[in-house]
Amino acid sequence: MVKKILAAIDGSEGAGRALELAAGMAAEAHASLWIVNVIGNFGFSPDELEQFRRTEGGSIVDVLESLSGQWLNEAREKAALLGATDIHLVSHTGDVAEAIIGAARDCSAGVIVVGRRGRGLMRELMLGSVSQKLASVSPRPVLIVP
């Protein structure tokens, strides 16, 4: 029986469905639920993001971190309503799939639950690149929710 479940969220409808399934699984199995959001680098290097922050007096990363916190808090509330009791929130930056794999390793998750498509530009055309990469390279089982 899985004792730790990781749900990756990005504010999309698909991630919402993945969270619902993961929270239900956690409630039924009395497992801990780790909810993860990753702020991707959007093709910018850390130096470019820092330069933007200095030039504009603010940071796109600050905005994204605030949004990440909002999504995570909303996800915690939703998971609790669905019966999950041991809920942990994690926010990372960087390559989304690699950060999810790292978070799953760090918390010893037995399964990673993700939506089929998230907020990516090509989300309407194909299996999301993050879910596809996770399914291909994750050493842990990945449950992809349509």
C-alpha atoms as a PDB file:
ATOM      1  CA  MET A   1       0.000   0.000   0.000  1.00  0.00           C
ATOM      2  CA  VAL A   2       1.299   3.461  -0.929  1.00  0.00           C
ATOM      3  CA  LYS A   3       1.983   5.607   2.143  1.00  0.00           C
ATOM      4  CA  LYS A   4       3.110   8.799   0.389  1.00  0.00           C
ATOM      5  CA  ILE A   5       1.466  10.294  -2.688  1.00  0.00           C
ATOM      6  CA  LEU A   6       2.811  13.245  -4.638  1.00  0.00           C
ATOM      7  CA  ALA A   7       0.397  15.390  -6.669  1.00  0.00           C
ATOM      8  CA  ALA A   8       1.922  17.968  -9.000  1.00  0.00           C
ATOM      9  CA  ILE A   9      -0.247  21.012  -9.657  1.00  0.00           C
ATOM     10  CA  ASP A  10      -0.019  24.049 -11.929  1.00  0.00           C
ATOM     11  CA  GLY A  11      -3.414  25.688 -11.585  1.00  0.00           C
ATOM     12  CA  SER A  12      -4.825  23.941 -14.664  1.00  0.00           C
ATOM     13  CA  GLU A  13      -8.036  21.909 -14.831  1.00  0.00           C
ATOM     14  CA  GLY A  14      -6.014  18.750 -15.464  1.00  0.00           C
ATOM     15  CA  ALA A  15      -3.959  19.364 -12.341  1.00  0.00           C
ATOM     16  CA  GLY A  16      -7.183  19.903 -10.417  1.00  0.00           C
ATOM     17  CA  ARG A  17      -8.451  16.493 -11.496  1.00  0.00           C
ATOM     18  CA  ALA A  18      -5.107  14.932 -10.557  1.00  0.00           C
ATOM     19  CA  LEU A  19      -5.281  16.564  -7.128  1.00  0.00           C
ATOM     20  CA  GLU A  20      -8.820  15.254  -6.582  1.00  0.00           C
ATOM     21  CA  LEU A  21      -7.723  11.711  -7.397  1.00  0.00           C
ATOM     22  CA  ALA A  22      -4.554  11.945  -5.300  1.00  0.00           C
ATOM     23  CA  ALA A  23      -6.439  13.390  -2.311  1.00  0.00           C
ATOM     24  CA  GLY A  24      -9.028  10.628  -2.539  1.00  0.00           C
ATOM     25  CA  MET A  25      -6.278   8.011  -2.720  1.00  0.00           C
ATOM     26  CA  ALA A  26      -4.525   9.567   0.292  1.00  0.00           C
ATOM     27  CA  ALA A  27      -7.752   9.640   2.314  1.00  0.00           C
ATOM     28  CA  GLU A  28      -8.603   6.033   1.492  1.00  0.00           C
ATOM     29  CA  ALA A  29      -5.089   4.719   2.203  1.00  0.00           C
ATOM     30  CA  HIS A  30      -4.435   7.014   5.197  1.00  0.00           C
ATOM     31  CA  ALA A  31      -1.375   8.155   3.266  1.00  0.00           C
ATOM     32  CA  SER A  32       0.398  11.485   3.359  1.00  0.00           C
ATOM     33  CA  LEU A  33      -0.223  13.781   0.414  1.00  0.00           C
ATOM     34  CA  TRP A  34       2.595  15.930  -0.925  1.00  0.00           C
ATOM     35  CA  ILE A  35       1.331  18.699  -3.192  1.00  0.00           C
ATOM     36  CA  VAL A  36       4.029  20.186  -5.403  1.00  0.00           C
ATOM     37  CA  ASN A  37       4.088  23.207  -7.694  1.00  0.00           C
ATOM     38  CA  VAL A  38       7.110  23.984  -9.835  1.00  0.00           C
ATOM     39  CA  ILE A  39       7.835  27.426 -11.178  1.00  0.00           C
ATOM     40  CA  GLY A  40       9.452  26.710 -14.520  1.00  0.00           C
ATOM     41  CA  ASN A  41      12.212  28.909 -15.870  1.00  0.00           C
ATOM     42  CA  PHE A  42      10.269  29.643 -19.089  1.00  0.00           C
ATOM     43  CA  GLY A  43      13.463  29.424 -21.105  1.00  0.00           C
ATOM     44  CA  PHE A  44      15.226  32.170 -19.134  1.00  0.00           C
ATOM     45  CA  SER A  45      18.484  31.602 -17.327  1.00  0.00           C
ATOM     46  CA  PRO A  46      18.717  32.536 -13.630  1.00  0.00           C
ATOM     47  CA  ASP A  47      20.952  35.460 -14.657  1.00  0.00           C
ATOM     48  CA  GLU A  48      18.329  36.759 -17.102  1.00  0.00           C
ATOM     49  CA  LEU A  49      15.618  36.539 -14.457  1.00  0.00           C
ATOM     50  CA  GLU A  50      17.823  38.409 -11.991  1.00  0.00           C
ATOM     51  CA  GLN A  51      18.566  41.085 -14.582  1.00  0.00           C
ATOM     52  CA  PHE A  52      14.827  41.523 -15.157  1.00  0.00           C
ATOM     53  CA  ARG A  53      14.305  41.923 -11.409  1.00  0.00           C
ATOM     54  CA  ARG A  54      17.003  44.610 -11.171  1.00  0.00           C
ATOM     55  CA  THR A  55      15.795  46.454 -14.268  1.00  0.00           C
ATOM     56  CA  GLU A  56      12.089  46.393 -13.534  1.00  0.00           C
ATOM     57  CA  GLY A  57      12.313  46.740  -9.758  1.00  0.00           C
ATOM     58  CA  GLY A  58      10.348  43.561  -9.399  1.00  0.00           C
ATOM     59  CA  SER A  59      10.607  40.021 -10.487  1.00  0.00           C
ATOM     60  CA  ILE A  60       8.489  37.776 -12.613  1.00  0.00           C
ATOM     61  CA  VAL A  61       9.671  35.082 -10.225  1.00  0.00           C
ATOM     62  CA  ASP A  62       8.115  37.022  -7.317  1.00  0.00           C
ATOM     63  CA  VAL A  63       4.799  37.071  -9.166  1.00  0.00           C
ATOM     64  CA  LEU A  64       5.064  33.372  -9.991  1.00  0.00           C
ATOM     65  CA  GLU A  65       6.029  32.493  -6.406  1.00  0.00           C
ATOM     66  CA  SER A  66       2.962  34.346  -5.163  1.00  0.00           C
ATOM     67  CA  LEU A  67       0.779  32.487  -7.635  1.00  0.00           C
ATOM     68  CA  SER A  68       2.406  29.196  -6.635  1.00  0.00           C
ATOM     69  CA  GLY A  69       1.630  29.880  -2.988  1.00  0.00           C
ATOM     70  CA  GLN A  70      -1.974  30.674  -3.857  1.00  0.00           C
ATOM     71  CA  TRP A  71      -2.375  27.451  -5.874  1.00  0.00           C
ATOM     72  CA  LEU A  72      -0.787  25.385  -3.119  1.00  0.00           C
ATOM     73  CA  ASN A  73      -3.011  26.855  -0.399  1.00  0.00           C
ATOM     74  CA  GLU A  74      -6.134  26.320  -2.508  1.00  0.00           C
ATOM     75  CA  ALA A  75      -4.994  22.750  -3.207  1.00  0.00           C
ATOM     76  CA  ARG A  76      -4.496  22.082   0.515  1.00  0.00           C
ATOM     77  CA  GLU A  77      -8.045  23.272   1.239  1.00  0.00           C
ATOM     78  CA  LYS A  78      -9.470  21.129  -1.565  1.00  0.00           C
ATOM     79  CA  ALA A  79      -7.490  18.052  -0.474  1.00  0.00           C
ATOM     80  CA  ALA A  80      -8.663  18.468   3.114  1.00  0.00           C
ATOM     81  CA  LEU A  81     -12.288  18.688   1.954  1.00  0.00           C
ATOM     82  CA  LEU A  82     -11.729  15.432   0.076  1.00  0.00           C
ATOM     83  CA  GLY A  83     -10.538  13.702   3.248  1.00  0.00           C
ATOM     84  CA  ALA A  84      -6.748  13.950   3.093  1.00  0.00           C
ATOM     85  CA  THR A  85      -5.376  14.685   6.558  1.00  0.00           C
ATOM     86  CA  ASP A  86      -1.579  14.588   6.318  1.00  0.00           C
ATOM     87  CA  ILE A  87      -0.900  17.284   3.707  1.00  0.00           C
ATOM     88  CA  HIS A  88       2.477  18.810   2.810  1.00  0.00           C
ATOM     89  CA  LEU A  89       3.079  21.700   0.401  1.00  0.00           C
ATOM     90  CA  VAL A  90       6.233  22.103  -1.684  1.00  0.00           C
ATOM     91  CA  SER A  91       7.240  24.795  -4.176  1.00  0.00           C
ATOM     92  CA  HIS A  92      10.273  24.426  -6.445  1.00  0.00           C
ATOM     93  CA  THR A  93      11.812  26.284  -9.351  1.00  0.00           C
ATOM     94  CA  GLY A  94      13.537  24.978 -12.462  1.00  0.00           C
ATOM     95  CA  ASP A  95      12.856  22.221 -14.936  1.00  0.00           C
ATOM     96  CA  VAL A  96       9.344  21.091 -14.056  1.00  0.00           C
ATOM     97  CA  ALA A  97       9.668  17.340 -14.627  1.00  0.00           C
ATOM     98  CA  GLU A  98      13.080  17.121 -12.965  1.00  0.00           C
ATOM     99  CA  ALA A  99      11.843  19.099  -9.946  1.00  0.00           C
ATOM    100  CA  ILE A 100       8.818  16.820  -9.583  1.00  0.00           C
ATOM    101  CA  ILE A 101      11.052  13.742  -9.739  1.00  0.00           C
ATOM    102  CA  GLY A 102      13.346  15.319  -7.142  1.00  0.00           C
ATOM    103  CA  ALA A 103      10.435  16.168  -4.844  1.00  0.00           C
ATOM    104  CA  ALA A 104       9.122  12.599  -5.142  1.00  0.00           C
ATOM    105  CA  ARG A 105      12.563  11.279  -4.246  1.00  0.00           C
ATOM    106  CA  ASP A 106      12.910  13.685  -1.311  1.00  0.00           C
ATOM    107  CA  CYS A 107       9.595  12.667   0.262  1.00  0.00           C
ATOM    108  CA  SER A 108       9.872   8.983  -0.776  1.00  0.00           C
ATOM    109  CA  ALA A 109       6.579   9.126  -2.668  1.00  0.00           C
ATOM    110  CA  GLY A 110       5.228   5.796  -3.824  1.00  0.00           C
ATOM    111  CA  VAL A 111       3.446   7.377  -6.791  1.00  0.00           C
ATOM    112  CA  ILE A 112       3.381  10.670  -8.692  1.00  0.00           C
ATOM    113  CA  VAL A 113      -0.042  11.884  -9.825  1.00  0.00           C
ATOM    114  CA  VAL A 114      -0.236  14.505 -12.590  1.00  0.00           C
ATOM    115  CA  GLY A 115      -2.737  15.859 -15.064  1.00  0.00           C
ATOM    116  CA  ARG A 116      -2.369  14.828 -18.682  1.00  0.00           C
ATOM    117  CA  ARG A 117      -2.052  18.410 -19.849  1.00  0.00           C
ATOM    118  CA  GLY A 118      -1.196  21.513 -17.913  1.00  0.00           C
ATOM    119  CA  ARG A 119      -0.550  25.094 -18.789  1.00  0.00           C
ATOM    120  CA  GLY A 120       1.916  24.441 -21.627  1.00  0.00           C
ATOM    121  CA  LEU A 121       1.538  26.158 -24.988  1.00  0.00           C
ATOM    122  CA  MET A 122       0.784  22.957 -26.892  1.00  0.00           C
ATOM    123  CA  ARG A 123      -1.601  21.553 -24.286  1.00  0.00           C
ATOM    124  CA  GLU A 124      -4.500  21.210 -26.694  1.00  0.00           C
ATOM    125  CA  LEU A 125      -2.528  19.182 -29.226  1.00  0.00           C
ATOM    126  CA  MET A 126      -0.754  16.409 -27.392  1.00  0.00           C
ATOM    127  CA  LEU A 127       0.100  14.688 -24.167  1.00  0.00           C
ATOM    128  CA  GLY A 128       1.712  17.377 -22.047  1.00  0.00           C
ATOM    129  CA  SER A 129       5.470  17.506 -22.235  1.00  0.00           C
ATOM    130  CA  VAL A 130       5.818  17.315 -18.443  1.00  0.00           C
ATOM    131  CA  SER A 131       3.572  14.273 -18.059  1.00  0.00           C
ATOM    132  CA  GLN A 132       5.258  12.654 -21.058  1.00  0.00           C
ATOM    133  CA  LYS A 133       8.725  13.264 -19.614  1.00  0.00           C
ATOM    134  CA  LEU A 134       7.657  11.977 -16.192  1.00  0.00           C
ATOM    135  CA  ALA A 135       6.227   8.819 -17.726  1.00  0.00           C
ATOM    136  CA  SER A 136       9.456   8.297 -19.660  1.00  0.00           C
ATOM    137  CA  VAL A 137      12.132   9.008 -17.070  1.00  0.00           C
ATOM    138  CA  SER A 138      10.666   8.830 -13.561  1.00  0.00           C
ATOM    139  CA  PRO A 139      11.985   5.943 -11.488  1.00  0.00           C
ATOM    140  CA  ARG A 140       8.658   6.006  -9.602  1.00  0.00           C
ATOM    141  CA  PRO A 141       5.228   5.054 -10.913  1.00  0.00           C
ATOM    142  CA  VAL A 142       3.393   7.956 -12.573  1.00  0.00           C
ATOM    143  CA  LEU A 143      -0.385   8.135 -12.718  1.00  0.00           C
ATOM    144  CA  ILE A 144      -1.511  10.471 -15.508  1.00  0.00           C
ATOM    145  CA  VAL A 145      -5.068  11.728 -15.059  1.00  0.00           C
ATOM    146  CA  PRO A 146      -7.014  12.764 -18.188  1.00  0.00           C
END
